[in-house]
Structure formats: structure tokens, C-alpha cells
Amino acid sequence: AIVRELVFLKQSEDNNRKHRFLIIFLLCGAASAAVTWKGPSSIL
């Protein structure tokens, strides 16, 4: 989220770039849950 906010504060209005960042951060969130898995609560 820290990285996300830094990017969103600096990003241009370029919609393609905005969509790319959206997808990248969604994938990072899912990956972090998988890497730090301690049970179903890790999904939250």
C-alpha cells in the first residue's frame, strides 16, 4: 500500500498506465497472501 500510494500520488492521468498499476498492485496483494500464508485469515 505504501508503494501504491507513492505511485498514485505521482502517476499521470494516462489511463493505460493507471490500469497497469491497478493490475500490478492487485497481483502483488494476492502474491503477498500466498507467500505469508498462515491460514485462511491471510486472505483477509
PDB file of all heavy atoms in Angstrom:
ATOM      1  N   ALA A   1       0.829  -1.209   0.000  1.00  0.00           N
ATOM      2  CA  ALA A   1       0.000   0.000   0.000  1.00  0.00           C
ATOM      3  C   ALA A   1       0.863   1.259   0.000  1.00  0.00           C
ATOM      4  O   ALA A   1       0.520   2.249  -0.661  1.00  0.00           O
ATOM      5  CB  ALA A   1      -0.933  -0.002   1.204  1.00  0.00           C
ATOM      6  N   ILE A   2       1.979   1.237   0.711  1.00  0.00           N
ATOM      7  CA  ILE A   2       2.887   2.386   0.724  1.00  0.00           C
ATOM      8  C   ILE A   2       3.379   2.667  -0.692  1.00  0.00           C
ATOM      9  O   ILE A   2       3.335   3.811  -1.164  1.00  0.00           O
ATOM     10  CB  ILE A   2       4.075   2.133   1.681  1.00  0.00           C
ATOM     11  CG1 ILE A   2       3.591   2.107   3.135  1.00  0.00           C
ATOM     12  CG2 ILE A   2       5.172   3.185   1.482  1.00  0.00           C
ATOM     13  CD1 ILE A   2       4.588   1.511   4.110  1.00  0.00           C
ATOM     14  N   VAL A   3       3.834   1.625  -1.374  1.00  0.00           N
ATOM     15  CA  VAL A   3       4.305   1.783  -2.756  1.00  0.00           C
ATOM     16  C   VAL A   3       3.156   2.263  -3.638  1.00  0.00           C
ATOM     17  O   VAL A   3       3.312   3.169  -4.454  1.00  0.00           O
ATOM     18  CB  VAL A   3       4.914   0.465  -3.290  1.00  0.00           C
ATOM     19  CG1 VAL A   3       5.277   0.584  -4.765  1.00  0.00           C
ATOM     20  CG2 VAL A   3       6.125   0.065  -2.459  1.00  0.00           C
ATOM     21  N   ARG A   4       1.994   1.666  -3.453  1.00  0.00           N
ATOM     22  CA  ARG A   4       0.812   2.047  -4.236  1.00  0.00           C
ATOM     23  C   ARG A   4       0.506   3.524  -4.075  1.00  0.00           C
ATOM     24  O   ARG A   4       0.289   4.237  -5.054  1.00  0.00           O
ATOM     25  CB  ARG A   4      -0.378   1.199  -3.771  1.00  0.00           C
ATOM     26  CG  ARG A   4      -1.701   1.604  -4.365  1.00  0.00           C
ATOM     27  CD  ARG A   4      -2.858   0.911  -3.667  1.00  0.00           C
ATOM     28  NE  ARG A   4      -3.063   1.464  -2.338  1.00  0.00           N
ATOM     29  CZ  ARG A   4      -3.503   0.766  -1.314  1.00  0.00           C
ATOM     30  NH1 ARG A   4      -3.756  -0.520  -1.408  1.00  0.00           N
ATOM     31  NH2 ARG A   4      -3.695   1.337  -0.153  1.00  0.00           N
ATOM     32  N   GLU A   5       0.487   4.004  -2.842  1.00  0.00           N
ATOM     33  CA  GLU A   5       0.155   5.412  -2.626  1.00  0.00           C
ATOM     34  C   GLU A   5       1.209   6.333  -3.226  1.00  0.00           C
ATOM     35  O   GLU A   5       0.874   7.385  -3.782  1.00  0.00           O
ATOM     36  CB  GLU A   5      -0.035   5.702  -1.133  1.00  0.00           C
ATOM     37  CG  GLU A   5      -1.419   5.302  -0.669  1.00  0.00           C
ATOM     38  CD  GLU A   5      -1.426   4.184   0.349  1.00  0.00           C
ATOM     39  OE1 GLU A   5      -0.466   4.054   1.129  1.00  0.00           O
ATOM     40  OE2 GLU A   5      -2.405   3.420   0.354  1.00  0.00           O
ATOM     41  N   LEU A   6       2.470   5.954  -3.122  1.00  0.00           N
ATOM     42  CA  LEU A   6       3.525   6.764  -3.738  1.00  0.00           C
ATOM     43  C   LEU A   6       3.326   6.844  -5.252  1.00  0.00           C
ATOM     44  O   LEU A   6       3.442   7.915  -5.848  1.00  0.00           O
ATOM     45  CB  LEU A   6       4.903   6.198  -3.409  1.00  0.00           C
ATOM     46  CG  LEU A   6       5.351   6.367  -1.950  1.00  0.00           C
ATOM     47  CD1 LEU A   6       6.620   5.562  -1.691  1.00  0.00           C
ATOM     48  CD2 LEU A   6       5.553   7.835  -1.609  1.00  0.00           C
ATOM     49  N   VAL A   7       2.986   5.710  -5.851  1.00  0.00           N
ATOM     50  CA  VAL A   7       2.751   5.682  -7.301  1.00  0.00           C
ATOM     51  C   VAL A   7       1.515   6.493  -7.653  1.00  0.00           C
ATOM     52  O   VAL A   7       1.535   7.315  -8.573  1.00  0.00           O
ATOM     53  CB  VAL A   7       2.621   4.225  -7.810  1.00  0.00           C
ATOM     54  CG1 VAL A   7       2.083   4.184  -9.237  1.00  0.00           C
ATOM     55  CG2 VAL A   7       3.960   3.512  -7.716  1.00  0.00           C
ATOM     56  N   PHE A   8       0.419   6.301  -6.920  1.00  0.00           N
ATOM     57  CA  PHE A   8      -0.819   7.003  -7.238  1.00  0.00           C
ATOM     58  C   PHE A   8      -0.683   8.512  -7.021  1.00  0.00           C
ATOM     59  O   PHE A   8      -1.329   9.298  -7.700  1.00  0.00           O
ATOM     60  CB  PHE A   8      -1.987   6.443  -6.436  1.00  0.00           C
ATOM     61  CG  PHE A   8      -2.456   5.086  -6.898  1.00  0.00           C
ATOM     62  CD1 PHE A   8      -3.387   4.380  -6.154  1.00  0.00           C
ATOM     63  CD2 PHE A   8      -1.982   4.494  -8.054  1.00  0.00           C
ATOM     64  CE1 PHE A   8      -3.836   3.129  -6.572  1.00  0.00           C
ATOM     65  CE2 PHE A   8      -2.411   3.250  -8.478  1.00  0.00           C
ATOM     66  CZ  PHE A   8      -3.343   2.571  -7.731  1.00  0.00           C
ATOM     67  N   LEU A   9       0.155   8.932  -6.072  1.00  0.00           N
ATOM     68  CA  LEU A   9       0.381  10.359  -5.875  1.00  0.00           C
ATOM     69  C   LEU A   9       1.174  10.966  -7.033  1.00  0.00           C
ATOM     70  O   LEU A   9       1.002  12.129  -7.368  1.00  0.00           O
ATOM     71  CB  LEU A   9       1.125  10.616  -4.563  1.00  0.00           C
ATOM     72  CG  LEU A   9       0.282  10.582  -3.297  1.00  0.00           C
ATOM     73  CD1 LEU A   9       1.175  10.621  -2.061  1.00  0.00           C
ATOM     74  CD2 LEU A   9      -0.730  11.717  -3.263  1.00  0.00           C
ATOM     75  N   LYS A  10       2.033  10.169  -7.662  1.00  0.00           N
ATOM     76  CA  LYS A  10       2.908  10.662  -8.726  1.00  0.00           C
ATOM     77  C   LYS A  10       2.422  10.364 -10.141  1.00  0.00           C
ATOM     78  O   LYS A  10       2.921  10.932 -11.082  1.00  0.00           O
ATOM     79  CB  LYS A  10       4.315  10.048  -8.577  1.00  0.00           C
ATOM     80  CG  LYS A  10       4.975  10.363  -7.282  1.00  0.00           C
ATOM     81  CD  LYS A  10       5.514  11.751  -7.287  1.00  0.00           C
ATOM     82  CE  LYS A  10       6.250  12.021  -5.983  1.00  0.00           C
ATOM     83  NZ  LYS A  10       6.522  13.386  -5.768  1.00  0.00           N
ATOM     84  N   GLN A  11       1.473   9.466 -10.277  1.00  0.00           N
ATOM     85  CA  GLN A  11       1.097   8.998 -11.622  1.00  0.00           C
ATOM     86  C   GLN A  11       0.432  10.085 -12.456  1.00  0.00           C
ATOM     87  O   GLN A  11      -0.161  11.005 -11.940  1.00  0.00           O
ATOM     88  CB  GLN A  11       0.198   7.782 -11.541  1.00  0.00           C
ATOM     89  CG  GLN A  11      -1.247   8.109 -11.207  1.00  0.00           C
ATOM     90  CD  GLN A  11      -2.110   6.876 -11.207  1.00  0.00           C
ATOM     91  OE1 GLN A  11      -1.652   5.811 -11.520  1.00  0.00           O
ATOM     92  NE2 GLN A  11      -3.351   7.038 -10.854  1.00  0.00           N
ATOM     93  N   SER A  12       0.533   9.903 -13.756  1.00  0.00           N
ATOM     94  CA  SER A  12      -0.141  10.817 -14.680  1.00  0.00           C
ATOM     95  C   SER A  12      -1.579  10.345 -14.866  1.00  0.00           C
ATOM     96  O   SER A  12      -1.988   9.321 -14.339  1.00  0.00           O
ATOM     97  CB  SER A  12       0.591  10.810 -16.021  1.00  0.00           C
ATOM     98  OG  SER A  12       0.398   9.571 -16.659  1.00  0.00           O
ATOM     99  N   GLU A  13      -2.293  11.066 -15.649  1.00  0.00           N
ATOM    100  CA  GLU A  13      -3.676  10.702 -15.938  1.00  0.00           C
ATOM    101  C   GLU A  13      -3.789   9.695 -17.078  1.00  0.00           C
ATOM    102  O   GLU A  13      -4.876   9.414 -17.545  1.00  0.00           O
ATOM    103  CB  GLU A  13      -4.489  11.960 -16.271  1.00  0.00           C
ATOM    104  CG  GLU A  13      -4.685  12.872 -15.073  1.00  0.00           C
ATOM    105  CD  GLU A  13      -5.427  12.177 -13.939  1.00  0.00           C
ATOM    106  OE1 GLU A  13      -6.456  11.527 -14.189  1.00  0.00           O
ATOM    107  OE2 GLU A  13      -4.968  12.296 -12.786  1.00  0.00           O
ATOM    108  N   ASP A  14      -2.675   9.164 -17.526  1.00  0.00           N
ATOM    109  CA  ASP A  14      -2.639   8.170 -18.600  1.00  0.00           C
ATOM    110  C   ASP A  14      -3.423   6.926 -18.159  1.00  0.00           C
ATOM    111  O   ASP A  14      -3.002   6.205 -17.267  1.00  0.00           O
ATOM    112  CB  ASP A  14      -1.179   7.824 -18.913  1.00  0.00           C
ATOM    113  CG  ASP A  14      -1.039   6.745 -19.967  1.00  0.00           C
ATOM    114  OD1 ASP A  14      -2.068   6.280 -20.509  1.00  0.00           O
ATOM    115  OD2 ASP A  14       0.107   6.359 -20.242  1.00  0.00           O
ATOM    116  N   ASN A  15      -4.583   6.691 -18.778  1.00  0.00           N
ATOM    117  CA  ASN A  15      -5.450   5.583 -18.365  1.00  0.00           C
ATOM    118  C   ASN A  15      -4.810   4.217 -18.534  1.00  0.00           C
ATOM    119  O   ASN A  15      -5.038   3.332 -17.720  1.00  0.00           O
ATOM    120  CB  ASN A  15      -6.792   5.638 -19.110  1.00  0.00           C
ATOM    121  CG  ASN A  15      -7.735   6.633 -18.488  1.00  0.00           C
ATOM    122  OD1 ASN A  15      -7.630   6.949 -17.310  1.00  0.00           O
ATOM    123  ND2 ASN A  15      -8.654   7.141 -19.277  1.00  0.00           N
ATOM    124  N   ASN A  16      -4.019   4.023 -19.593  1.00  0.00           N
ATOM    125  CA  ASN A  16      -3.349   2.732 -19.758  1.00  0.00           C
ATOM    126  C   ASN A  16      -2.397   2.474 -18.601  1.00  0.00           C
ATOM    127  O   ASN A  16      -2.324   1.366 -18.076  1.00  0.00           O
ATOM    128  CB  ASN A  16      -2.579   2.681 -21.087  1.00  0.00           C
ATOM    129  CG  ASN A  16      -3.509   2.580 -22.270  1.00  0.00           C
ATOM    130  OD1 ASN A  16      -4.615   2.061 -22.149  1.00  0.00           O
ATOM    131  ND2 ASN A  16      -3.068   3.087 -23.412  1.00  0.00           N
ATOM    132  N   ARG A  17      -1.675   3.496 -18.216  1.00  0.00           N
ATOM    133  CA  ARG A  17      -0.743   3.369 -17.102  1.00  0.00           C
ATOM    134  C   ARG A  17      -1.500   3.122 -15.798  1.00  0.00           C
ATOM    135  O   ARG A  17      -1.091   2.309 -14.972  1.00  0.00           O
ATOM    136  CB  ARG A  17       0.085   4.651 -17.016  1.00  0.00           C
ATOM    137  CG  ARG A  17       1.254   4.539 -16.126  1.00  0.00           C
ATOM    138  CD  ARG A  17       2.141   5.746 -16.312  1.00  0.00           C
ATOM    139  NE  ARG A  17       3.164   5.699 -15.292  1.00  0.00           N
ATOM    140  CZ  ARG A  17       3.859   6.728 -14.909  1.00  0.00           C
ATOM    141  NH1 ARG A  17       3.672   7.891 -15.464  1.00  0.00           N
ATOM    142  NH2 ARG A  17       4.756   6.609 -13.974  1.00  0.00           N
ATOM    143  N   LYS A  18      -2.595   3.844 -15.593  1.00  0.00           N
ATOM    144  CA  LYS A  18      -3.403   3.659 -14.390  1.00  0.00           C
ATOM    145  C   LYS A  18      -3.920   2.228 -14.299  1.00  0.00           C
ATOM    146  O   LYS A  18      -3.893   1.626 -13.231  1.00  0.00           O
ATOM    147  CB  LYS A  18      -4.576   4.646 -14.378  1.00  0.00           C
ATOM    148  CG  LYS A  18      -4.179   6.063 -14.039  1.00  0.00           C
ATOM    149  CD  LYS A  18      -5.320   7.026 -14.210  1.00  0.00           C
ATOM    150  CE  LYS A  18      -6.359   6.856 -13.136  1.00  0.00           C
ATOM    151  NZ  LYS A  18      -7.390   7.899 -13.188  1.00  0.00           N
ATOM    152  N   HIS A  19      -4.383   1.676 -15.417  1.00  0.00           N
ATOM    153  CA  HIS A  19      -4.891   0.301 -15.422  1.00  0.00           C
ATOM    154  C   HIS A  19      -3.776  -0.696 -15.143  1.00  0.00           C
ATOM    155  O   HIS A  19      -3.978  -1.677 -14.441  1.00  0.00           O
ATOM    156  CB  HIS A  19      -5.587  -0.014 -16.748  1.00  0.00           C
ATOM    157  CG  HIS A  19      -6.922   0.644 -16.874  1.00  0.00           C
ATOM    158  ND1 HIS A  19      -7.084   1.833 -17.536  1.00  0.00           N
ATOM    159  CD2 HIS A  19      -8.135   0.301 -16.399  1.00  0.00           C
ATOM    160  CE1 HIS A  19      -8.358   2.196 -17.467  1.00  0.00           C
ATOM    161  NE2 HIS A  19      -9.018   1.286 -16.787  1.00  0.00           N
ATOM    162  N   ARG A  20      -2.604  -0.436 -15.699  1.00  0.00           N
ATOM    163  CA  ARG A  20      -1.462  -1.316 -15.463  1.00  0.00           C
ATOM    164  C   ARG A  20      -1.111  -1.354 -13.974  1.00  0.00           C
ATOM    165  O   ARG A  20      -0.880  -2.418 -13.410  1.00  0.00           O
ATOM    166  CB  ARG A  20      -0.260  -0.818 -16.275  1.00  0.00           C
ATOM    167  CG  ARG A  20       0.533  -1.916 -16.882  1.00  0.00           C
ATOM    168  CD  ARG A  20       1.620  -1.424 -17.807  1.00  0.00           C
ATOM    169  NE  ARG A  20       1.104  -0.454 -18.776  1.00  0.00           N
ATOM    170  CZ  ARG A  20       1.719   0.661 -19.132  1.00  0.00           C
ATOM    171  NH1 ARG A  20       2.896   0.954 -18.655  1.00  0.00           N
ATOM    172  NH2 ARG A  20       1.182   1.485 -19.998  1.00  0.00           N
ATOM    173  N   PHE A  21      -1.082  -0.188 -13.338  1.00  0.00           N
ATOM    174  CA  PHE A  21      -0.776  -0.133 -11.912  1.00  0.00           C
ATOM    175  C   PHE A  21      -1.839  -0.854 -11.091  1.00  0.00           C
ATOM    176  O   PHE A  21      -1.528  -1.543 -10.124  1.00  0.00           O
ATOM    177  CB  PHE A  21      -0.629   1.311 -11.423  1.00  0.00           C
ATOM    178  CG  PHE A  21       0.683   1.933 -11.791  1.00  0.00           C
ATOM    179  CD1 PHE A  21       0.720   3.131 -12.462  1.00  0.00           C
ATOM    180  CD2 PHE A  21       1.878   1.313 -11.453  1.00  0.00           C
ATOM    181  CE1 PHE A  21       1.923   3.718 -12.795  1.00  0.00           C
ATOM    182  CE2 PHE A  21       3.091   1.893 -11.779  1.00  0.00           C
ATOM    183  CZ  PHE A  21       3.119   3.099 -12.456  1.00  0.00           C
ATOM    184  N   LEU A  22      -3.083  -0.691 -11.469  1.00  0.00           N
ATOM    185  CA  LEU A  22      -4.161  -1.371 -10.769  1.00  0.00           C
ATOM    186  C   LEU A  22      -3.925  -2.876 -10.794  1.00  0.00           C
ATOM    187  O   LEU A  22      -3.962  -3.539  -9.752  1.00  0.00           O
ATOM    188  CB  LEU A  22      -5.513  -1.037 -11.416  1.00  0.00           C
ATOM    189  CG  LEU A  22      -6.728  -1.762 -10.847  1.00  0.00           C
ATOM    190  CD1 LEU A  22      -7.010  -1.308  -9.428  1.00  0.00           C
ATOM    191  CD2 LEU A  22      -7.939  -1.528 -11.730  1.00  0.00           C
ATOM    192  N   ILE A  23      -3.637  -3.418 -11.940  1.00  0.00           N
ATOM    193  CA  ILE A  23      -3.417  -4.859 -12.083  1.00  0.00           C
ATOM    194  C   ILE A  23      -2.175  -5.298 -11.321  1.00  0.00           C
ATOM    195  O   ILE A  23      -2.191  -6.314 -10.611  1.00  0.00           O
ATOM    196  CB  ILE A  23      -3.333  -5.242 -13.579  1.00  0.00           C
ATOM    197  CG1 ILE A  23      -4.708  -5.034 -14.227  1.00  0.00           C
ATOM    198  CG2 ILE A  23      -2.854  -6.670 -13.768  1.00  0.00           C
ATOM    199  CD1 ILE A  23      -4.704  -5.041 -15.739  1.00  0.00           C
ATOM    200  N   ILE A  24      -1.099  -4.543 -11.424  1.00  0.00           N
ATOM    201  CA  ILE A  24       0.144  -4.891 -10.724  1.00  0.00           C
ATOM    202  C   ILE A  24      -0.083  -4.955  -9.222  1.00  0.00           C
ATOM    203  O   ILE A  24       0.330  -5.917  -8.557  1.00  0.00           O
ATOM    204  CB  ILE A  24       1.269  -3.885 -11.070  1.00  0.00           C
ATOM    205  CG1 ILE A  24       1.731  -4.088 -12.510  1.00  0.00           C
ATOM    206  CG2 ILE A  24       2.442  -4.020 -10.097  1.00  0.00           C
ATOM    207  CD1 ILE A  24       2.615  -2.966 -13.044  1.00  0.00           C
ATOM    208  N   PHE A  25      -0.753  -3.961  -8.660  1.00  0.00           N
ATOM    209  CA  PHE A  25      -0.965  -3.945  -7.210  1.00  0.00           C
ATOM    210  C   PHE A  25      -1.940  -5.030  -6.761  1.00  0.00           C
ATOM    211  O   PHE A  25      -1.786  -5.584  -5.668  1.00  0.00           O
ATOM    212  CB  PHE A  25      -1.395  -2.561  -6.740  1.00  0.00           C
ATOM    213  CG  PHE A  25      -0.280  -1.562  -6.791  1.00  0.00           C
ATOM    214  CD1 PHE A  25      -0.410  -0.398  -7.522  1.00  0.00           C
ATOM    215  CD2 PHE A  25       0.918  -1.794  -6.137  1.00  0.00           C
ATOM    216  CE1 PHE A  25       0.623   0.521  -7.582  1.00  0.00           C
ATOM    217  CE2 PHE A  25       1.963  -0.890  -6.185  1.00  0.00           C
ATOM    218  CZ  PHE A  25       1.818   0.273  -6.911  1.00  0.00           C
ATOM    219  N   LEU A  26      -2.923  -5.341  -7.573  1.00  0.00           N
ATOM    220  CA  LEU A  26      -3.818  -6.454  -7.231  1.00  0.00           C
ATOM    221  C   LEU A  26      -3.050  -7.778  -7.190  1.00  0.00           C
ATOM    222  O   LEU A  26      -3.227  -8.578  -6.261  1.00  0.00           O
ATOM    223  CB  LEU A  26      -4.972  -6.538  -8.234  1.00  0.00           C
ATOM    224  CG  LEU A  26      -6.018  -5.433  -8.139  1.00  0.00           C
ATOM    225  CD1 LEU A  26      -6.983  -5.515  -9.322  1.00  0.00           C
ATOM    226  CD2 LEU A  26      -6.768  -5.499  -6.823  1.00  0.00           C
ATOM    227  N   LEU A  27      -2.183  -7.990  -8.167  1.00  0.00           N
ATOM    228  CA  LEU A  27      -1.376  -9.213  -8.197  1.00  0.00           C
ATOM    229  C   LEU A  27      -0.399  -9.260  -7.018  1.00  0.00           C
ATOM    230  O   LEU A  27      -0.196 -10.335  -6.423  1.00  0.00           O
ATOM    231  CB  LEU A  27      -0.625  -9.330  -9.520  1.00  0.00           C
ATOM    232  CG  LEU A  27      -1.495  -9.588 -10.755  1.00  0.00           C
ATOM    233  CD1 LEU A  27      -0.659  -9.502 -12.033  1.00  0.00           C
ATOM    234  CD2 LEU A  27      -2.205 -10.929 -10.657  1.00  0.00           C
ATOM    235  N   CYS A  28       0.191  -8.139  -6.670  1.00  0.00           N
ATOM    236  CA  CYS A  28       1.104  -8.103  -5.518  1.00  0.00           C
ATOM    237  C   CYS A  28       0.386  -8.452  -4.217  1.00  0.00           C
ATOM    238  O   CYS A  28       0.921  -9.190  -3.378  1.00  0.00           O
ATOM    239  CB  CYS A  28       1.744  -6.721  -5.390  1.00  0.00           C
ATOM    240  SG  CYS A  28       2.991  -6.368  -6.625  1.00  0.00           S
ATOM    241  N   GLY A  29      -0.829  -7.958  -4.053  1.00  0.00           N
ATOM    242  CA  GLY A  29      -1.608  -8.273  -2.859  1.00  0.00           C
ATOM    243  C   GLY A  29      -1.909  -9.753  -2.760  1.00  0.00           C
ATOM    244  O   GLY A  29      -1.768 -10.365  -1.692  1.00  0.00           O
ATOM    245  N   ALA A  30      -2.312 -10.356  -3.877  1.00  0.00           N
ATOM    246  CA  ALA A  30      -2.592 -11.797  -3.884  1.00  0.00           C
ATOM    247  C   ALA A  30      -1.324 -12.598  -3.613  1.00  0.00           C
ATOM    248  O   ALA A  30      -1.340 -13.565  -2.834  1.00  0.00           O
ATOM    249  CB  ALA A  30      -3.203 -12.199  -5.223  1.00  0.00           C
ATOM    250  N   ALA A  31      -0.221 -12.174  -4.212  1.00  0.00           N
ATOM    251  CA  ALA A  31       1.048 -12.881  -4.004  1.00  0.00           C
ATOM    252  C   ALA A  31       1.500 -12.790  -2.549  1.00  0.00           C
ATOM    253  O   ALA A  31       2.003 -13.770  -1.988  1.00  0.00           O
ATOM    254  CB  ALA A  31       2.121 -12.319  -4.932  1.00  0.00           C
ATOM    255  N   SER A  32       1.312 -11.636  -1.930  1.00  0.00           N
ATOM    256  CA  SER A  32       1.742 -11.491  -0.535  1.00  0.00           C
ATOM    257  C   SER A  32       0.948 -12.403   0.390  1.00  0.00           C
ATOM    258  O   SER A  32       1.497 -12.948   1.349  1.00  0.00           O
ATOM    259  CB  SER A  32       1.637 -10.041  -0.073  1.00  0.00           C
ATOM    260  OG  SER A  32       0.307  -9.671   0.166  1.00  0.00           O
ATOM    261  N   ALA A  33      -0.328 -12.590   0.106  1.00  0.00           N
ATOM    262  CA  ALA A  33      -1.135 -13.503   0.918  1.00  0.00           C
ATOM    263  C   ALA A  33      -0.624 -14.932   0.771  1.00  0.00           C
ATOM    264  O   ALA A  33      -0.550 -15.683   1.750  1.00  0.00           O
ATOM    265  CB  ALA A  33      -2.606 -13.416   0.525  1.00  0.00           C
ATOM    266  N   ALA A  34      -0.236 -15.296  -0.453  1.00  0.00           N
ATOM    267  CA  ALA A  34       0.275 -16.652  -0.690  1.00  0.00           C
ATOM    268  C   ALA A  34       1.631 -16.856  -0.006  1.00  0.00           C
ATOM    269  O   ALA A  34       1.866 -17.891   0.621  1.00  0.00           O
ATOM    270  CB  ALA A  34       0.395 -16.912  -2.192  1.00  0.00           C
ATOM    271  N   VAL A  35       2.510 -15.872  -0.108  1.00  0.00           N
ATOM    272  CA  VAL A  35       3.863 -16.002   0.451  1.00  0.00           C
ATOM    273  C   VAL A  35       3.851 -15.997   1.976  1.00  0.00           C
ATOM    274  O   VAL A  35       4.650 -16.694   2.604  1.00  0.00           O
ATOM    275  CB  VAL A  35       4.771 -14.864  -0.098  1.00  0.00           C
ATOM    276  CG1 VAL A  35       6.094 -14.798   0.629  1.00  0.00           C
ATOM    277  CG2 VAL A  35       4.990 -15.041  -1.587  1.00  0.00           C
ATOM    278  N   THR A  36       2.958 -15.230   2.586  1.00  0.00           N
ATOM    279  CA  THR A  36       2.925 -15.114   4.057  1.00  0.00           C
ATOM    280  C   THR A  36       1.811 -15.961   4.678  1.00  0.00           C
ATOM    281  O   THR A  36       1.435 -15.748   5.823  1.00  0.00           O
ATOM    282  CB  THR A  36       2.741 -13.645   4.474  1.00  0.00           C
ATOM    283  OG1 THR A  36       1.495 -13.165   3.951  1.00  0.00           O
ATOM    284  CG2 THR A  36       3.884 -12.781   3.977  1.00  0.00           C
ATOM    285  N   TRP A  37       1.309 -16.917   3.938  1.00  0.00           N
ATOM    286  CA  TRP A  37       0.154 -17.729   4.344  1.00  0.00           C
ATOM    287  C   TRP A  37       0.315 -18.314   5.743  1.00  0.00           C
ATOM    288  O   TRP A  37       1.299 -18.973   6.048  1.00  0.00           O
ATOM    289  CB  TRP A  37      -0.049 -18.859   3.345  1.00  0.00           C
ATOM    290  CG  TRP A  37      -1.275 -19.670   3.609  1.00  0.00           C
ATOM    291  CD1 TRP A  37      -1.333 -20.862   4.272  1.00  0.00           C
ATOM    292  CD2 TRP A  37      -2.610 -19.349   3.239  1.00  0.00           C
ATOM    293  NE1 TRP A  37      -2.630 -21.299   4.332  1.00  0.00           N
ATOM    294  CE2 TRP A  37      -3.434 -20.385   3.704  1.00  0.00           C
ATOM    295  CE3 TRP A  37      -3.186 -18.275   2.564  1.00  0.00           C
ATOM    296  CZ2 TRP A  37      -4.803 -20.385   3.498  1.00  0.00           C
ATOM    297  CZ3 TRP A  37      -4.551 -18.275   2.370  1.00  0.00           C
ATOM    298  CH2 TRP A  37      -5.343 -19.332   2.834  1.00  0.00           C
ATOM    299  N   LYS A  38      -0.668 -18.038   6.607  1.00  0.00           N
ATOM    300  CA  LYS A  38      -0.744 -18.639   7.937  1.00  0.00           C
ATOM    301  C   LYS A  38      -2.141 -19.202   8.168  1.00  0.00           C
ATOM    302  O   LYS A  38      -2.568 -19.351   9.298  1.00  0.00           O
ATOM    303  CB  LYS A  38      -0.433 -17.603   9.010  1.00  0.00           C
ATOM    304  CG  LYS A  38       1.026 -17.286   9.158  1.00  0.00           C
ATOM    305  CD  LYS A  38       1.247 -16.445  10.393  1.00  0.00           C
ATOM    306  CE  LYS A  38       2.718 -16.224  10.640  1.00  0.00           C
ATOM    307  NZ  LYS A  38       2.949 -15.420  11.832  1.00  0.00           N
ATOM    308  N   GLY A  39      -2.856 -19.447   7.104  1.00  0.00           N
ATOM    309  CA  GLY A  39      -4.213 -19.952   7.206  1.00  0.00           C
ATOM    310  C   GLY A  39      -5.182 -19.029   6.504  1.00  0.00           C
ATOM    311  O   GLY A  39      -4.793 -17.999   5.947  1.00  0.00           O
ATOM    312  N   PRO A  40      -6.457 -19.383   6.532  1.00  0.00           N
ATOM    313  CA  PRO A  40      -7.476 -18.615   5.806  1.00  0.00           C
ATOM    314  C   PRO A  40      -7.526 -17.124   6.159  1.00  0.00           C
ATOM    315  O   PRO A  40      -7.891 -16.312   5.321  1.00  0.00           O
ATOM    316  CB  PRO A  40      -8.790 -19.309   6.182  1.00  0.00           C
ATOM    317  CG  PRO A  40      -8.388 -20.690   6.564  1.00  0.00           C
ATOM    318  CD  PRO A  40      -7.009 -20.571   7.167  1.00  0.00           C
ATOM    319  N   SER A  41      -7.121 -16.766   7.369  1.00  0.00           N
ATOM    320  CA  SER A  41      -7.163 -15.344   7.741  1.00  0.00           C
ATOM    321  C   SER A  41      -6.177 -14.516   6.912  1.00  0.00           C
ATOM    322  O   SER A  41      -6.314 -13.295   6.830  1.00  0.00           O
ATOM    323  CB  SER A  41      -6.882 -15.158   9.231  1.00  0.00           C
ATOM    324  OG  SER A  41      -5.553 -15.533   9.539  1.00  0.00           O
ATOM    325  N   SER A  42      -5.213 -15.171   6.276  1.00  0.00           N
ATOM    326  CA  SER A  42      -4.255 -14.458   5.425  1.00  0.00           C
ATOM    327  C   SER A  42      -4.916 -13.871   4.181  1.00  0.00           C
ATOM    328  O   SER A  42      -4.359 -12.969   3.549  1.00  0.00           O
ATOM    329  CB  SER A  42      -3.123 -15.392   5.001  1.00  0.00           C
ATOM    330  OG  SER A  42      -2.382 -15.814   6.118  1.00  0.00           O
ATOM    331  N   ILE A  43      -6.077 -14.383   3.836  1.00  0.00           N
ATOM    332  CA  ILE A  43      -6.809 -13.867   2.679  1.00  0.00           C
ATOM    333  C   ILE A  43      -7.416 -12.493   2.983  1.00  0.00           C
ATOM    334  O   ILE A  43      -7.540 -11.646   2.093  1.00  0.00           O
ATOM    335  CB  ILE A  43      -7.922 -14.855   2.255  1.00  0.00           C
ATOM    336  CG1 ILE A  43      -7.288 -16.153   1.755  1.00  0.00           C
ATOM    337  CG2 ILE A  43      -8.841 -14.255   1.208  1.00  0.00           C
ATOM    338  CD1 ILE A  43      -8.273 -17.281   1.535  1.00  0.00           C
ATOM    339  N   LEU A  44      -7.744 -12.247   4.237  1.00  0.00           N
ATOM    340  CA  LEU A  44      -8.456 -11.022   4.604  1.00  0.00           C
ATOM    341  C   LEU A  44      -7.698  -9.740   4.261  1.00  0.00           C
ATOM    342  O   LEU A  44      -8.277  -8.834   3.654  1.00  0.00           O
ATOM    343  CB  LEU A  44      -8.844 -11.063   6.086  1.00  0.00           C
ATOM    344  CG  LEU A  44      -9.840 -12.167   6.444  1.00  0.00           C
ATOM    345  CD1 LEU A  44      -9.961 -12.303   7.955  1.00  0.00           C
ATOM    346  CD2 LEU A  44     -11.182 -11.893   5.800  1.00  0.00           C
TER     347      LEU A  44
END
